[in-house]
Amino acid sequence: MKAAQERALRRGIVETSLEMERLGINQGTSGNVSARLGEGFLITPSGVPARELREEGIVWLPLDVDDDAEVLHVKRPSSEWRIHRDILRARHEMHAVVHTHSTAATAMAIHGRDIPALHYMVAAAGGDSIRCAPYALFGTQLLSDHALKALQDRRACLLAHHGVVALGDDLARAVWLAHEVEVLARQYLLACQLGPPPLLSDVQMEEVLERFKTYGRPRHAER
């Protein structure tokens, strides 16, 4: 059973990486994907384009992996393994993490902008905004620390001058949310061309968040 589950997750990570490219929220070797497995997690390798990924090349790391672990030098996981490790350790209800460099969301992140409550679907990320974490060098513990703070009570955040992190209780929901963040960022940038966009109030967003508790899976919500 465990072997079958691992095979399915490895296949799912490869398919998710290809889906991210198909959706236009990732390209080349940018971004990465992980999924919880037992006392560790599976993660995409470093520097391998989505179309060249193979199930056997997906790297398994223990949740207690640290900078001195030999597996990091032998298997060469994504440089952002710290973000995936720290999120999966801190957020037991989450089982998948995706990181993208999607265009519109990254444009907002370059300006260090949160995505505000311009549309009720902002609540899909768990709150009344999608926060932007401060800049830190890619692949560092500081970047992971910033991301974890921005993700407090949220399922997605931006990374300044970098991209997007989105979480899900499975791979499909994580990639759905990453794409939704990109759609919201694009809507915000378009709306700004007409002037500062009006935002939903705190009360209105509280109503949406309450509705989402019983609405079912947010990925099936009508836009």
N, C-alpha and C. Protein backbone atom coordinates (compact mmCIF):
# COMPACT_ATOMS: atom_id res chain seq x y z
N MET A 1 0.83 -1.20 0.00
CA MET A 1 0.00 0.00 0.00
C MET A 1 0.87 1.26 0.00
N LYS A 2 1.91 1.25 0.87
CA LYS A 2 2.80 2.41 0.94
C LYS A 2 3.53 2.62 -0.37
N ALA A 3 4.00 1.53 -0.98
CA ALA A 3 4.70 1.63 -2.27
C ALA A 3 3.79 2.19 -3.35
N ALA A 4 2.53 1.75 -3.35
CA ALA A 4 1.57 2.24 -4.34
C ALA A 4 1.29 3.73 -4.12
N GLN A 5 1.18 4.13 -2.85
CA GLN A 5 0.94 5.54 -2.53
C GLN A 5 2.12 6.39 -3.00
N GLU A 6 3.33 5.91 -2.77
CA GLU A 6 4.50 6.67 -3.20
C GLU A 6 4.56 6.80 -4.72
N ARG A 7 4.28 5.72 -5.42
CA ARG A 7 4.27 5.78 -6.89
C ARG A 7 3.25 6.80 -7.39
N ALA A 8 2.07 6.79 -6.76
CA ALA A 8 1.01 7.71 -7.17
C ALA A 8 1.43 9.16 -6.91
N LEU A 9 2.07 9.40 -5.78
CA LEU A 9 2.51 10.76 -5.46
C LEU A 9 3.62 11.22 -6.39
N ARG A 10 4.55 10.33 -6.69
CA ARG A 10 5.61 10.69 -7.63
C ARG A 10 5.02 11.05 -8.99
N ARG A 11 4.09 10.24 -9.45
CA ARG A 11 3.42 10.52 -10.72
C ARG A 11 2.64 11.83 -10.64
N GLY A 12 1.99 12.06 -9.50
CA GLY A 12 1.22 13.28 -9.31
C GLY A 12 2.08 14.53 -9.33
N ILE A 13 3.27 14.45 -8.76
CA ILE A 13 4.18 15.60 -8.76
C ILE A 13 4.64 15.92 -10.18
N VAL A 14 4.97 14.90 -10.95
CA VAL A 14 5.36 15.12 -12.34
C VAL A 14 4.20 15.74 -13.11
N GLU A 15 3.00 15.20 -12.95
CA GLU A 15 1.83 15.71 -13.66
C GLU A 15 1.50 17.14 -13.22
N THR A 16 1.67 17.43 -11.94
CA THR A 16 1.41 18.78 -11.44
C THR A 16 2.39 19.77 -12.04
N SER A 17 3.65 19.39 -12.14
CA SER A 17 4.65 20.27 -12.74
C SER A 17 4.31 20.58 -14.20
N LEU A 18 3.86 19.56 -14.92
CA LEU A 18 3.45 19.76 -16.31
C LEU A 18 2.20 20.62 -16.40
N GLU A 19 1.28 20.44 -15.46
CA GLU A 19 0.05 21.24 -15.44
C GLU A 19 0.36 22.70 -15.17
N MET A 20 1.32 22.96 -14.28
CA MET A 20 1.71 24.34 -13.99
C MET A 20 2.25 25.02 -15.24
N GLU A 21 3.02 24.29 -16.02
CA GLU A 21 3.54 24.84 -17.28
C GLU A 21 2.40 25.05 -18.27
N ARG A 22 1.49 24.09 -18.35
CA ARG A 22 0.36 24.22 -19.28
C ARG A 22 -0.51 25.42 -18.93
N LEU A 23 -0.68 25.69 -17.63
CA LEU A 23 -1.49 26.82 -17.17
C LEU A 23 -0.76 28.15 -17.34
N GLY A 24 0.53 28.10 -17.65
CA GLY A 24 1.30 29.33 -17.83
C GLY A 24 1.74 29.97 -16.54
N ILE A 25 1.76 29.20 -15.43
CA ILE A 25 2.19 29.78 -14.16
C ILE A 25 3.61 29.35 -13.80
N ASN A 26 4.24 28.63 -14.69
CA ASN A 26 5.63 28.23 -14.51
C ASN A 26 6.25 27.96 -15.87
N GLN A 27 7.56 28.03 -15.93
CA GLN A 27 8.25 27.77 -17.18
C GLN A 27 9.69 27.34 -16.89
N GLY A 28 10.22 26.55 -17.80
CA GLY A 28 11.62 26.13 -17.65
C GLY A 28 11.86 25.39 -16.36
N THR A 29 12.92 25.79 -15.66
CA THR A 29 13.29 25.13 -14.40
C THR A 29 12.79 25.89 -13.18
N SER A 30 12.00 26.94 -13.38
CA SER A 30 11.51 27.73 -12.24
C SER A 30 10.43 26.96 -11.48
N GLY A 31 10.24 27.33 -10.22
CA GLY A 31 9.20 26.74 -9.41
C GLY A 31 9.52 25.33 -8.95
N ASN A 32 8.68 24.82 -8.05
CA ASN A 32 8.88 23.48 -7.50
C ASN A 32 7.59 22.99 -6.86
N VAL A 33 7.55 21.68 -6.61
CA VAL A 33 6.34 21.02 -6.11
C VAL A 33 6.74 20.00 -5.05
N SER A 34 5.94 19.88 -4.00
CA SER A 34 6.18 18.83 -3.00
C SER A 34 4.87 18.25 -2.51
N ALA A 35 4.97 17.04 -1.93
CA ALA A 35 3.81 16.38 -1.34
C ALA A 35 4.27 15.57 -0.14
N ARG A 36 3.48 15.60 0.91
CA ARG A 36 3.79 14.86 2.14
C ARG A 36 3.73 13.35 1.88
N LEU A 37 4.72 12.64 2.45
CA LEU A 37 4.72 11.18 2.37
C LEU A 37 5.34 10.63 3.64
N GLY A 38 4.51 10.01 4.49
CA GLY A 38 4.99 9.43 5.73
C GLY A 38 5.64 10.47 6.63
N GLU A 39 6.86 10.18 7.09
CA GLU A 39 7.60 11.09 7.96
C GLU A 39 8.47 12.06 7.16
N GLY A 40 8.15 12.22 5.90
CA GLY A 40 8.93 13.11 5.06
C GLY A 40 8.08 13.65 3.93
N PHE A 41 8.74 14.05 2.85
CA PHE A 41 8.02 14.60 1.71
C PHE A 41 8.80 14.36 0.43
N LEU A 42 8.06 14.29 -0.67
CA LEU A 42 8.63 14.18 -2.00
C LEU A 42 8.69 15.57 -2.61
N ILE A 43 9.79 15.88 -3.31
CA ILE A 43 9.95 17.21 -3.88
C ILE A 43 10.68 17.10 -5.23
N THR A 44 10.38 18.03 -6.12
CA THR A 44 11.03 18.05 -7.41
C THR A 44 12.53 18.32 -7.26
N PRO A 45 13.34 17.77 -8.16
CA PRO A 45 14.79 17.98 -8.10
C PRO A 45 15.17 19.37 -8.60
N SER A 46 16.40 19.77 -8.31
CA SER A 46 16.89 21.08 -8.72
C SER A 46 17.28 21.09 -10.19
N GLY A 47 16.87 22.18 -10.88
CA GLY A 47 17.36 22.43 -12.23
C GLY A 47 16.85 21.53 -13.32
N VAL A 48 15.72 20.85 -13.11
CA VAL A 48 15.18 19.94 -14.14
C VAL A 48 13.88 20.53 -14.69
N PRO A 49 13.80 20.83 -15.99
CA PRO A 49 12.56 21.35 -16.56
C PRO A 49 11.41 20.36 -16.39
N ALA A 50 10.20 20.87 -16.33
CA ALA A 50 9.03 20.01 -16.10
C ALA A 50 8.95 18.87 -17.11
N ARG A 51 9.26 19.17 -18.35
CA ARG A 51 9.11 18.15 -19.40
C ARG A 51 10.18 17.06 -19.31
N GLU A 52 11.19 17.28 -18.51
CA GLU A 52 12.24 16.27 -18.35
C GLU A 52 12.13 15.52 -17.02
N LEU A 53 11.14 15.87 -16.22
CA LEU A 53 10.97 15.20 -14.93
C LEU A 53 10.57 13.75 -15.13
N ARG A 54 11.10 12.90 -14.28
CA ARG A 54 10.73 11.49 -14.26
C ARG A 54 10.37 11.11 -12.82
N GLU A 55 9.45 10.17 -12.69
CA GLU A 55 8.99 9.78 -11.36
C GLU A 55 10.16 9.37 -10.46
N GLU A 56 11.11 8.63 -11.02
CA GLU A 56 12.23 8.14 -10.21
C GLU A 56 13.18 9.28 -9.80
N GLY A 57 13.07 10.43 -10.47
CA GLY A 57 13.93 11.56 -10.13
C GLY A 57 13.38 12.46 -9.03
N ILE A 58 12.13 12.23 -8.63
CA ILE A 58 11.55 13.00 -7.53
C ILE A 58 12.26 12.58 -6.23
N VAL A 59 12.63 13.57 -5.42
CA VAL A 59 13.48 13.33 -4.23
C VAL A 59 12.63 13.21 -2.97
N TRP A 60 12.92 12.19 -2.16
CA TRP A 60 12.28 12.08 -0.84
C TRP A 60 13.23 12.63 0.21
N LEU A 61 12.69 13.50 1.08
CA LEU A 61 13.46 14.06 2.19
C LEU A 61 12.69 13.85 3.49
N PRO A 62 13.38 13.57 4.59
CA PRO A 62 12.70 13.49 5.89
C PRO A 62 12.32 14.90 6.36
N LEU A 63 11.26 14.98 7.15
CA LEU A 63 10.82 16.29 7.64
C LEU A 63 11.83 16.93 8.59
N ASP A 64 12.74 16.14 9.13
CA ASP A 64 13.76 16.71 10.02
C ASP A 64 15.08 16.95 9.28
N VAL A 65 15.06 16.97 7.94
CA VAL A 65 16.28 17.20 7.18
C VAL A 65 16.86 18.57 7.52
N ASP A 66 18.20 18.66 7.60
CA ASP A 66 18.84 19.94 7.84
C ASP A 66 19.96 20.15 6.83
N ASP A 67 20.65 21.27 6.96
CA ASP A 67 21.64 21.66 5.95
C ASP A 67 22.80 20.67 5.82
N ASP A 68 23.03 19.87 6.83
CA ASP A 68 24.17 18.95 6.81
C ASP A 68 23.83 17.57 6.26
N ALA A 69 22.58 17.36 5.89
CA ALA A 69 22.15 16.04 5.44
C ALA A 69 22.82 15.65 4.12
N GLU A 70 23.35 14.45 4.08
CA GLU A 70 24.05 13.98 2.89
C GLU A 70 23.13 13.89 1.69
N VAL A 71 21.84 13.58 1.94
CA VAL A 71 20.89 13.41 0.84
C VAL A 71 20.77 14.68 -0.01
N LEU A 72 21.00 15.84 0.59
CA LEU A 72 20.90 17.10 -0.15
C LEU A 72 21.97 17.19 -1.24
N HIS A 73 23.12 16.59 -1.00
CA HIS A 73 24.22 16.65 -1.97
C HIS A 73 24.14 15.49 -2.97
N VAL A 74 23.55 14.38 -2.55
CA VAL A 74 23.46 13.21 -3.42
C VAL A 74 22.28 13.33 -4.37
N LYS A 75 21.12 13.72 -3.83
CA LYS A 75 19.88 13.73 -4.62
C LYS A 75 19.58 15.08 -5.27
N ARG A 76 20.14 16.17 -4.75
CA ARG A 76 19.95 17.51 -5.30
C ARG A 76 18.48 17.91 -5.42
N PRO A 77 17.77 18.04 -4.30
CA PRO A 77 16.39 18.51 -4.34
C PRO A 77 16.33 19.99 -4.72
N SER A 78 15.16 20.48 -4.99
CA SER A 78 14.96 21.91 -5.27
C SER A 78 15.67 22.76 -4.24
N SER A 79 16.21 23.88 -4.67
CA SER A 79 16.89 24.79 -3.75
C SER A 79 15.94 25.35 -2.70
N GLU A 80 14.63 25.28 -2.97
CA GLU A 80 13.65 25.80 -2.02
C GLU A 80 13.11 24.72 -1.09
N TRP A 81 13.87 23.63 -0.87
CA TRP A 81 13.39 22.55 -0.02
C TRP A 81 13.07 23.03 1.40
N ARG A 82 13.74 24.08 1.87
CA ARG A 82 13.48 24.58 3.23
C ARG A 82 12.04 25.09 3.37
N ILE A 83 11.56 25.81 2.35
CA ILE A 83 10.18 26.30 2.38
C ILE A 83 9.21 25.14 2.49
N HIS A 84 9.41 24.13 1.67
CA HIS A 84 8.51 22.97 1.67
C HIS A 84 8.59 22.23 3.01
N ARG A 85 9.79 22.00 3.49
CA ARG A 85 9.97 21.32 4.79
C ARG A 85 9.28 22.08 5.91
N ASP A 86 9.52 23.39 5.98
CA ASP A 86 9.01 24.17 7.10
C ASP A 86 7.50 24.28 7.06
N ILE A 87 6.92 24.43 5.86
CA ILE A 87 5.46 24.50 5.75
C ILE A 87 4.84 23.17 6.16
N LEU A 88 5.37 22.08 5.66
CA LEU A 88 4.77 20.77 5.96
C LEU A 88 4.96 20.39 7.43
N ARG A 89 6.03 20.88 8.06
CA ARG A 89 6.20 20.64 9.49
C ARG A 89 5.23 21.48 10.32
N ALA A 90 4.99 22.72 9.88
CA ALA A 90 4.16 23.64 10.67
C ALA A 90 2.67 23.49 10.41
N ARG A 91 2.30 23.05 9.20
CA ARG A 91 0.90 23.00 8.79
C ARG A 91 0.49 21.56 8.54
N HIS A 92 0.13 20.88 9.63
CA HIS A 92 -0.16 19.44 9.54
C HIS A 92 -1.38 19.14 8.66
N GLU A 93 -2.25 20.13 8.48
CA GLU A 93 -3.45 19.90 7.68
C GLU A 93 -3.16 20.02 6.18
N MET A 94 -1.99 20.52 5.82
CA MET A 94 -1.61 20.69 4.43
C MET A 94 -0.73 19.53 3.98
N HIS A 95 -0.96 19.04 2.77
CA HIS A 95 -0.21 17.89 2.28
C HIS A 95 0.51 18.14 0.96
N ALA A 96 0.38 19.35 0.42
CA ALA A 96 1.06 19.66 -0.83
C ALA A 96 1.41 21.14 -0.87
N VAL A 97 2.55 21.44 -1.50
CA VAL A 97 3.03 22.82 -1.64
C VAL A 97 3.50 23.01 -3.07
N VAL A 98 3.09 24.12 -3.69
CA VAL A 98 3.62 24.47 -5.01
C VAL A 98 4.18 25.89 -4.95
N HIS A 99 5.25 26.09 -5.69
CA HIS A 99 5.89 27.40 -5.78
C HIS A 99 6.02 27.75 -7.25
N THR A 100 5.54 28.93 -7.64
CA THR A 100 5.56 29.34 -9.05
C THR A 100 6.20 30.71 -9.19
N HIS A 101 6.54 31.03 -10.44
CA HIS A 101 7.01 32.37 -10.81
C HIS A 101 6.01 32.98 -11.79
N SER A 102 4.73 32.82 -11.53
CA SER A 102 3.71 33.29 -12.47
C SER A 102 3.80 34.81 -12.67
N THR A 103 3.50 35.25 -13.88
CA THR A 103 3.86 36.60 -14.32
C THR A 103 3.19 37.73 -13.54
N ALA A 104 1.86 37.74 -13.49
CA ALA A 104 1.16 38.86 -12.86
C ALA A 104 1.40 38.90 -11.35
N ALA A 105 1.34 37.74 -10.71
CA ALA A 105 1.57 37.69 -9.27
C ALA A 105 3.00 38.11 -8.93
N THR A 106 3.96 37.70 -9.76
CA THR A 106 5.34 38.10 -9.52
C THR A 106 5.52 39.59 -9.76
N ALA A 107 4.80 40.15 -10.73
CA ALA A 107 4.86 41.60 -10.95
C ALA A 107 4.42 42.35 -9.69
N MET A 108 3.36 41.88 -9.05
CA MET A 108 2.93 42.50 -7.79
C MET A 108 3.96 42.29 -6.70
N ALA A 109 4.56 41.08 -6.68
CA ALA A 109 5.57 40.79 -5.67
C ALA A 109 6.81 41.66 -5.83
N ILE A 110 7.13 42.02 -7.07
CA ILE A 110 8.27 42.90 -7.32
C ILE A 110 8.05 44.25 -6.63
N HIS A 111 6.80 44.67 -6.58
CA HIS A 111 6.47 45.91 -5.88
C HIS A 111 6.20 45.69 -4.39
N GLY A 112 6.31 44.45 -3.93
CA GLY A 112 6.05 44.16 -2.52
C GLY A 112 4.61 44.37 -2.12
N ARG A 113 3.69 44.20 -3.08
CA ARG A 113 2.27 44.46 -2.84
C ARG A 113 1.53 43.20 -2.41
N ASP A 114 0.68 43.32 -1.39
CA ASP A 114 -0.30 42.28 -1.10
C ASP A 114 -1.37 42.32 -2.19
N ILE A 115 -2.07 41.22 -2.39
CA ILE A 115 -3.29 41.25 -3.21
C ILE A 115 -4.44 41.54 -2.27
N PRO A 116 -5.09 42.70 -2.40
CA PRO A 116 -6.15 43.08 -1.47
C PRO A 116 -7.48 42.44 -1.84
N ALA A 117 -8.51 42.81 -1.10
CA ALA A 117 -9.84 42.21 -1.27
C ALA A 117 -10.59 42.82 -2.44
N LEU A 118 -10.02 42.72 -3.65
CA LEU A 118 -10.69 43.27 -4.82
C LEU A 118 -11.79 42.36 -5.33
N HIS A 119 -11.72 41.05 -4.98
CA HIS A 119 -12.66 40.05 -5.46
C HIS A 119 -12.87 39.04 -4.33
N TYR A 120 -14.06 38.51 -4.23
CA TYR A 120 -14.33 37.61 -3.11
C TYR A 120 -13.46 36.35 -3.14
N MET A 121 -12.93 35.98 -4.32
CA MET A 121 -12.11 34.78 -4.40
C MET A 121 -10.76 34.92 -3.71
N VAL A 122 -10.40 36.14 -3.29
CA VAL A 122 -9.21 36.30 -2.44
C VAL A 122 -9.35 35.42 -1.20
N ALA A 123 -10.58 35.21 -0.75
CA ALA A 123 -10.83 34.40 0.44
C ALA A 123 -10.43 32.94 0.23
N ALA A 124 -10.26 32.51 -1.00
CA ALA A 124 -9.82 31.13 -1.25
C ALA A 124 -8.46 30.85 -0.62
N ALA A 125 -7.67 31.90 -0.42
CA ALA A 125 -6.36 31.76 0.22
C ALA A 125 -6.46 31.82 1.73
N GLY A 126 -7.68 32.00 2.26
CA GLY A 126 -7.87 31.88 3.70
C GLY A 126 -8.07 33.16 4.47
N GLY A 127 -8.04 34.32 3.81
CA GLY A 127 -8.19 35.58 4.55
C GLY A 127 -8.70 36.69 3.66
N ASP A 128 -8.54 37.93 4.12
CA ASP A 128 -9.04 39.08 3.37
C ASP A 128 -7.97 39.71 2.49
N SER A 129 -6.82 39.07 2.40
CA SER A 129 -5.75 39.51 1.50
C SER A 129 -4.81 38.33 1.26
N ILE A 130 -3.98 38.47 0.25
CA ILE A 130 -2.90 37.52 0.02
C ILE A 130 -1.61 38.29 0.26
N ARG A 131 -0.94 37.98 1.34
CA ARG A 131 0.20 38.78 1.78
C ARG A 131 1.42 38.57 0.89
N CYS A 132 2.29 39.59 0.90
CA CYS A 132 3.58 39.48 0.23
C CYS A 132 4.67 39.43 1.29
N ALA A 133 5.43 38.35 1.32
CA ALA A 133 6.54 38.20 2.26
C ALA A 133 7.71 39.09 1.83
N PRO A 134 8.50 39.59 2.76
CA PRO A 134 9.67 40.40 2.40
C PRO A 134 10.68 39.61 1.58
N TYR A 135 11.52 40.33 0.88
CA TYR A 135 12.54 39.69 0.04
C TYR A 135 13.62 39.02 0.89
N ALA A 136 14.09 37.87 0.43
CA ALA A 136 15.29 37.22 0.94
C ALA A 136 15.85 36.39 -0.20
N LEU A 137 17.13 36.12 -0.16
CA LEU A 137 17.80 35.34 -1.20
C LEU A 137 17.14 33.97 -1.35
N PHE A 138 16.95 33.54 -2.60
CA PHE A 138 16.32 32.24 -2.84
C PHE A 138 17.13 31.12 -2.18
N GLY A 139 16.42 30.10 -1.74
CA GLY A 139 17.06 28.93 -1.16
C GLY A 139 17.58 29.11 0.26
N THR A 140 17.25 30.22 0.91
CA THR A 140 17.78 30.47 2.25
C THR A 140 16.73 30.20 3.33
N GLN A 141 17.21 30.01 4.55
CA GLN A 141 16.32 29.83 5.67
C GLN A 141 15.52 31.11 5.94
N LEU A 142 16.13 32.26 5.69
CA LEU A 142 15.42 33.53 5.91
C LEU A 142 14.21 33.63 5.01
N LEU A 143 14.35 33.21 3.75
CA LEU A 143 13.21 33.24 2.84
C LEU A 143 12.10 32.33 3.35
N SER A 144 12.46 31.15 3.83
CA SER A 144 11.46 30.24 4.38
C SER A 144 10.77 30.85 5.60
N ASP A 145 11.54 31.49 6.46
CA ASP A 145 10.96 32.13 7.65
C ASP A 145 9.96 33.21 7.24
N HIS A 146 10.33 34.02 6.25
CA HIS A 146 9.42 35.07 5.77
C HIS A 146 8.14 34.46 5.20
N ALA A 147 8.29 33.39 4.42
CA ALA A 147 7.13 32.76 3.80
C ALA A 147 6.19 32.19 4.86
N LEU A 148 6.77 31.54 5.86
CA LEU A 148 5.95 30.93 6.90
C LEU A 148 5.14 31.98 7.65
N LYS A 149 5.74 33.13 7.90
CA LYS A 149 5.03 34.21 8.59
C LYS A 149 3.90 34.76 7.71
N ALA A 150 4.18 34.95 6.42
CA ALA A 150 3.15 35.47 5.51
C ALA A 150 2.00 34.48 5.33
N LEU A 151 2.27 33.20 5.55
CA LEU A 151 1.26 32.15 5.39
C LEU A 151 0.47 31.89 6.67
N GLN A 152 0.74 32.63 7.72
CA GLN A 152 -0.02 32.42 8.96
C GLN A 152 -1.51 32.63 8.68
N ASP A 153 -2.32 31.62 8.96
CA ASP A 153 -3.76 31.66 8.70
C ASP A 153 -4.09 31.86 7.21
N ARG A 154 -3.18 31.50 6.35
CA ARG A 154 -3.39 31.63 4.90
C ARG A 154 -2.93 30.35 4.21
N ARG A 155 -3.38 30.20 2.97
CA ARG A 155 -2.96 29.05 2.16
C ARG A 155 -2.14 29.48 0.94
N ALA A 156 -1.88 30.78 0.82
CA ALA A 156 -1.05 31.26 -0.28
C ALA A 156 -0.42 32.59 0.12
N CYS A 157 0.74 32.87 -0.46
CA CYS A 157 1.38 34.17 -0.27
C CYS A 157 2.24 34.48 -1.48
N LEU A 158 2.63 35.74 -1.60
CA LEU A 158 3.62 36.15 -2.57
C LEU A 158 4.97 36.24 -1.88
N LEU A 159 6.03 36.13 -2.66
CA LEU A 159 7.40 36.31 -2.17
C LEU A 159 7.99 37.49 -2.93
N ALA A 160 8.40 38.52 -2.22
CA ALA A 160 8.88 39.74 -2.87
C ALA A 160 10.00 39.45 -3.86
N HIS A 161 9.88 40.04 -5.07
CA HIS A 161 10.88 39.89 -6.13
C HIS A 161 11.12 38.42 -6.49
N HIS A 162 10.07 37.60 -6.35
CA HIS A 162 10.30 36.16 -6.52
C HIS A 162 9.11 35.44 -7.13
N GLY A 163 8.01 35.27 -6.41
CA GLY A 163 6.91 34.48 -6.95
C GLY A 163 5.81 34.20 -5.96
N VAL A 164 5.27 32.98 -6.00
CA VAL A 164 4.08 32.59 -5.25
C VAL A 164 4.32 31.26 -4.56
N VAL A 165 3.75 31.10 -3.36
CA VAL A 165 3.67 29.81 -2.70
C VAL A 165 2.20 29.53 -2.42
N ALA A 166 1.74 28.33 -2.75
CA ALA A 166 0.35 27.95 -2.48
C ALA A 166 0.32 26.55 -1.88
N LEU A 167 -0.61 26.35 -0.93
CA LEU A 167 -0.72 25.09 -0.21
C LEU A 167 -2.06 24.43 -0.51
N GLY A 168 -2.11 23.13 -0.30
CA GLY A 168 -3.37 22.42 -0.45
C GLY A 168 -3.36 21.13 0.32
N ASP A 169 -4.55 20.58 0.56
CA ASP A 169 -4.56 19.27 1.22
C ASP A 169 -4.32 18.16 0.21
N ASP A 170 -4.17 18.53 -1.07
CA ASP A 170 -3.64 17.60 -2.06
C ASP A 170 -3.03 18.44 -3.18
N LEU A 171 -2.37 17.78 -4.12
CA LEU A 171 -1.68 18.49 -5.20
C LEU A 171 -2.63 19.29 -6.08
N ALA A 172 -3.79 18.71 -6.39
CA ALA A 172 -4.74 19.39 -7.27
C ALA A 172 -5.21 20.71 -6.68
N ARG A 173 -5.47 20.73 -5.38
CA ARG A 173 -5.95 21.97 -4.76
C ARG A 173 -4.84 22.99 -4.63
N ALA A 174 -3.62 22.52 -4.41
CA ALA A 174 -2.50 23.46 -4.32
C ALA A 174 -2.26 24.16 -5.66
N VAL A 175 -2.28 23.40 -6.75
CA VAL A 175 -2.03 24.02 -8.06
C VAL A 175 -3.23 24.86 -8.48
N TRP A 176 -4.44 24.44 -8.10
CA TRP A 176 -5.61 25.28 -8.37
C TRP A 176 -5.46 26.63 -7.71
N LEU A 177 -5.03 26.64 -6.45
CA LEU A 177 -4.90 27.90 -5.72
C LEU A 177 -3.79 28.77 -6.31
N ALA A 178 -2.67 28.15 -6.69
CA ALA A 178 -1.59 28.92 -7.30
C ALA A 178 -2.09 29.61 -8.58
N HIS A 179 -2.90 28.92 -9.35
CA HIS A 179 -3.46 29.52 -10.57
C HIS A 179 -4.46 30.61 -10.22
N GLU A 180 -5.26 30.39 -9.19
CA GLU A 180 -6.23 31.41 -8.76
C GLU A 180 -5.52 32.68 -8.32
N VAL A 181 -4.40 32.55 -7.61
CA VAL A 181 -3.62 33.72 -7.20
C VAL A 181 -3.16 34.51 -8.42
N GLU A 182 -2.72 33.79 -9.45
CA GLU A 182 -2.30 34.47 -10.68
C GLU A 182 -3.47 35.19 -11.34
N VAL A 183 -4.63 34.57 -11.38
CA VAL A 183 -5.82 35.20 -11.96
C VAL A 183 -6.18 36.46 -11.18
N LEU A 184 -6.16 36.39 -9.87
CA LEU A 184 -6.48 37.55 -9.04
C LEU A 184 -5.48 38.68 -9.24
N ALA A 185 -4.21 38.34 -9.34
CA ALA A 185 -3.18 39.37 -9.57
C ALA A 185 -3.41 40.04 -10.92
N ARG A 186 -3.75 39.25 -11.93
CA ARG A 186 -4.01 39.81 -13.26
C ARG A 186 -5.23 40.73 -13.22
N GLN A 187 -6.28 40.31 -12.52
CA GLN A 187 -7.47 41.16 -12.39
C GLN A 187 -7.13 42.47 -11.69
N TYR A 188 -6.30 42.39 -10.66
CA TYR A 188 -5.92 43.59 -9.91
C TYR A 188 -5.15 44.56 -10.81
N LEU A 189 -4.18 44.04 -11.55
CA LEU A 189 -3.39 44.91 -12.41
C LEU A 189 -4.24 45.54 -13.51
N LEU A 190 -5.20 44.79 -14.05
CA LEU A 190 -6.10 45.34 -15.06
C LEU A 190 -7.02 46.40 -14.45
N ALA A 191 -7.55 46.10 -13.26
CA ALA A 191 -8.47 47.06 -12.61
C ALA A 191 -7.75 48.36 -12.27
N CYS A 192 -6.47 48.28 -11.94
CA CYS A 192 -5.71 49.47 -11.58
C CYS A 192 -5.55 50.43 -12.76
N GLN A 193 -5.72 49.92 -13.98
CA GLN A 193 -5.62 50.80 -15.15
C GLN A 193 -6.77 51.80 -15.20
N LEU A 194 -7.86 51.50 -14.50
CA LEU A 194 -9.01 52.42 -14.44
C LEU A 194 -8.96 53.29 -13.19
N GLY A 195 -7.89 53.15 -12.41
CA GLY A 195 -7.77 53.88 -11.17
C GLY A 195 -7.71 52.92 -10.00
N PRO A 196 -7.49 53.42 -8.79
CA PRO A 196 -7.45 52.54 -7.61
C PRO A 196 -8.75 51.76 -7.50
N PRO A 197 -8.70 50.43 -7.51
CA PRO A 197 -9.94 49.65 -7.51
C PRO A 197 -10.64 49.68 -6.15
N PRO A 198 -11.97 49.76 -6.16
CA PRO A 198 -12.70 49.65 -4.90
C PRO A 198 -12.53 48.24 -4.33
N LEU A 199 -12.47 48.16 -3.01
CA LEU A 199 -12.25 46.87 -2.36
C LEU A 199 -13.47 46.46 -1.55
N LEU A 200 -13.62 45.16 -1.35
CA LEU A 200 -14.66 44.67 -0.46
C LEU A 200 -14.30 45.03 0.97
N SER A 201 -15.31 45.29 1.77
CA SER A 201 -15.08 45.69 3.16
C SER A 201 -14.72 44.48 4.01
N ASP A 202 -14.24 44.75 5.23
CA ASP A 202 -13.93 43.67 6.16
C ASP A 202 -15.17 42.81 6.43
N VAL A 203 -16.32 43.47 6.58
CA VAL A 203 -17.56 42.74 6.85
C VAL A 203 -17.92 41.86 5.67
N GLN A 204 -17.80 42.39 4.47
CA GLN A 204 -18.12 41.59 3.27
C GLN A 204 -17.19 40.39 3.15
N MET A 205 -15.91 40.58 3.43
CA MET A 205 -14.97 39.47 3.34
C MET A 205 -15.23 38.44 4.45
N GLU A 206 -15.63 38.90 5.62
CA GLU A 206 -15.98 37.97 6.69
C GLU A 206 -17.16 37.10 6.28
N GLU A 207 -18.12 37.69 5.57
CA GLU A 207 -19.27 36.92 5.07
C GLU A 207 -18.81 35.86 4.07
N VAL A 208 -17.89 36.23 3.19
CA VAL A 208 -17.37 35.28 2.20
C VAL A 208 -16.63 34.14 2.89
N LEU A 209 -15.77 34.50 3.84
CA LEU A 209 -14.99 33.49 4.54
C LEU A 209 -15.90 32.52 5.30
N GLU A 210 -16.96 33.03 5.87
CA GLU A 210 -17.92 32.18 6.56
C GLU A 210 -18.63 31.26 5.58
N ARG A 211 -19.00 31.79 4.42
CA ARG A 211 -19.67 31.00 3.40
C ARG A 211 -18.76 29.90 2.88
N PHE A 212 -17.48 30.21 2.73
CA PHE A 212 -16.53 29.23 2.23
C PHE A 212 -16.39 28.02 3.15
N LYS A 213 -16.70 28.19 4.43
CA LYS A 213 -16.58 27.07 5.37
C LYS A 213 -17.52 25.94 5.01
N THR A 214 -18.64 26.26 4.39
CA THR A 214 -19.63 25.24 4.06
C THR A 214 -19.88 25.13 2.56
N TYR A 215 -19.13 25.89 1.78
CA TYR A 215 -19.38 25.94 0.34
C TYR A 215 -18.88 24.70 -0.37
N GLY A 216 -18.03 23.93 0.26
CA GLY A 216 -17.42 22.81 -0.42
C GLY A 216 -16.01 23.20 -0.86
N ARG A 217 -15.46 22.46 -1.76
CA ARG A 217 -14.11 22.74 -2.22
C ARG A 217 -14.11 24.05 -2.99
N PRO A 218 -13.28 25.02 -2.59
CA PRO A 218 -13.28 26.30 -3.28
C PRO A 218 -12.95 26.22 -4.75
N ARG A 219 -12.25 25.16 -5.18
CA ARG A 219 -11.90 25.07 -6.60
C ARG A 219 -13.13 24.85 -7.47
N HIS A 220 -14.28 24.46 -6.85
CA HIS A 220 -15.50 24.27 -7.62
C HIS A 220 -16.41 25.51 -7.54
N ALA A 221 -15.93 26.54 -6.83
CA ALA A 221 -16.76 27.74 -6.70
C ALA A 221 -16.89 28.44 -8.06
N GLU A 222 -18.08 28.98 -8.32
CA GLU A 222 -18.25 29.77 -9.53
C GLU A 222 -17.59 31.11 -9.32
N ARG A 223 -16.95 31.61 -10.35
CA ARG A 223 -16.26 32.88 -10.22
C ARG A 223 -17.23 34.02 -10.47
